Protein backbone atom coordinates (compact mmCIF):
# COMPACT_ATOMS: atom_id res chain seq x y z
CA MET A 1 -10.17 4.53 -29.74
CA ALA A 2 -10.02 4.16 -25.96
CA ARG A 3 -12.99 5.42 -24.02
CA ASN A 4 -12.98 7.19 -20.71
CA PHE A 5 -14.66 5.19 -17.95
CA LYS A 6 -16.79 8.20 -17.02
CA GLU A 7 -18.19 8.22 -20.57
CA LEU A 8 -19.03 4.53 -20.39
CA GLU A 9 -20.53 4.94 -16.93
CA ALA A 10 -22.71 7.81 -18.12
CA ARG A 11 -24.22 5.54 -20.75
CA MET A 12 -25.07 2.81 -18.21
CA SER A 13 -28.55 2.46 -16.78
CA SER A 14 -28.96 3.30 -13.11
CA GLU A 15 -29.58 -0.42 -12.42
CA ARG A 16 -26.31 -1.35 -14.13
CA ARG A 17 -24.39 1.34 -12.19
CA ALA A 18 -25.89 -0.01 -8.96
CA ARG A 19 -24.80 -3.57 -9.84
CA VAL A 20 -21.28 -2.38 -10.66
CA GLN A 21 -21.08 -0.41 -7.40
CA ALA A 22 -22.28 -3.46 -5.44
CA LYS A 23 -19.48 -5.55 -6.99
CA VAL A 24 -16.91 -2.85 -6.18
CA ASP A 25 -18.17 -2.66 -2.58
CA ALA A 26 -17.94 -6.45 -2.23
CA LEU A 27 -14.37 -6.47 -3.53
CA ILE A 28 -13.40 -3.70 -1.13
CA ARG A 29 -14.86 -5.63 1.82
CA GLU A 30 -12.65 -8.63 1.00
CA MET A 31 -8.97 -7.83 0.51
CA PRO A 32 -5.68 -9.48 1.31
CA LEU A 33 -3.44 -7.46 3.62
CA ASP A 34 -1.13 -6.27 0.85
CA GLU A 35 -4.03 -4.91 -1.21
CA LEU A 36 -5.52 -3.24 1.87
CA ARG A 37 -2.18 -1.61 2.64
CA GLU A 38 -1.87 -0.38 -0.94
CA ALA A 39 -5.48 0.88 -0.96
CA LEU A 40 -4.58 2.97 2.09
CA ASN A 41 -1.56 4.36 0.20
CA LEU A 42 0.88 2.79 2.64
CA THR A 43 4.19 1.24 1.66
CA GLN A 44 5.71 -1.78 3.33
CA GLU A 45 8.46 0.53 4.56
CA SER A 46 6.06 3.01 6.19
CA LEU A 47 4.07 0.23 7.82
CA ALA A 48 7.28 -1.39 9.09
CA GLU A 49 8.39 1.93 10.54
CA ALA A 50 5.05 2.36 12.34
CA LEU A 51 5.39 -1.13 13.82
CA HIS A 52 9.11 -0.80 14.67
CA VAL A 53 10.02 -3.78 12.52
CA LYS A 54 11.98 -4.18 9.29
CA GLN A 55 10.34 -4.11 5.84
CA PRO A 56 11.08 -7.82 5.08
CA PHE A 57 8.90 -8.74 8.07
CA ILE A 58 5.92 -6.93 6.50
CA SER A 59 6.56 -8.71 3.20
CA LYS A 60 6.66 -12.07 4.99
CA VAL A 61 3.46 -11.38 6.94
CA GLU A 62 1.61 -10.32 3.79
CA ARG A 63 2.40 -13.69 2.17
CA ARG A 64 1.34 -15.77 5.18
CA THR A 65 -1.95 -17.61 5.39
CA ASP A 66 -1.66 -18.17 9.13
CA MET A 67 -0.50 -15.78 11.85
CA TYR A 68 -1.09 -14.78 15.43
CA ILE A 69 -4.18 -12.69 16.04
CA SER A 70 -2.01 -10.24 17.99
CA THR A 71 0.21 -9.75 14.92
CA LEU A 72 -2.78 -9.12 12.67
CA ARG A 73 -4.28 -6.72 15.25
CA LYS A 74 -1.05 -4.68 15.41
CA ILE A 75 -0.90 -4.44 11.61
CA ILE A 76 -4.52 -3.35 11.30
CA GLU A 77 -4.06 -0.78 14.07
CA ALA A 78 -0.92 0.56 12.35
CA MET A 79 -3.09 1.03 9.25
CA GLY A 80 -5.49 3.10 11.35
CA GLY A 81 -8.11 0.41 11.85
CA LYS A 82 -9.45 -1.91 14.52
CA LEU A 83 -9.56 -5.70 14.27
CA GLU A 84 -12.81 -7.43 15.18
CA ILE A 85 -13.35 -11.16 14.97
CA ARG A 86 -16.85 -12.35 14.17
CA ALA A 87 -18.47 -15.73 13.80
CA ILE A 88 -21.03 -15.72 11.01
CA LEU A 89 -23.77 -18.16 12.00
CA PRO A 90 -27.12 -19.02 10.42
CA ASP A 91 -28.97 -17.08 13.13
CA GLY A 92 -26.71 -14.02 12.95
CA ASP A 93 -23.22 -12.73 13.60
CA VAL A 94 -21.49 -13.00 16.97
CA ARG A 95 -18.52 -10.83 17.88
CA ILE A 96 -15.79 -12.95 19.51
CA ASN A 97 -14.18 -10.90 22.27
CA GLN A 98 -12.02 -13.39 24.16
CA PHE A 99 -8.93 -12.24 22.26
CA GLU A 100 -9.27 -8.77 23.73
CA GLU A 101 -8.82 -10.25 27.21
CA ILE A 102 -5.74 -12.13 26.04
CA ARG A 103 -4.31 -8.87 24.71
CA ARG A 104 -4.51 -7.29 28.17
CA ARG A 105 -2.46 -10.16 29.62
CA ILE A 106 0.22 -10.18 26.92
CA PRO A 107 3.07 -7.67 27.27
CA GLU A 108 2.92 -4.79 24.77
CA ARG A 109 5.52 -6.09 22.35
CA PHE A 110 5.07 -6.95 18.74
CA ALA A 111 4.71 -10.68 18.06
CA SER A 112 7.34 -11.97 15.68
CA THR A 113 5.13 -14.50 13.93
């Protein structure tokens, strides 16, 4: 007989629930673009419409492992977010802001790659 997750969760200790929640939080913080889009209840079609591109472009971008920062920024902004680039160093994180200056110099058109 299948059990409801809420029933199983109710039987877990508070420590176990905290460990499970920590794992869920970690998974949420690290997602490929397609999973992020789906988690936000967006379709490729709706994202393409927001970016004024065709749906196959979104599909192609989601499969890429390398792309322009400007392309990624536009996608994240169309999802309602903001892209920040950080260097994670032994002594702490550093926000890299030089790409924001580049954005001001580039015409406001969507990069095709």
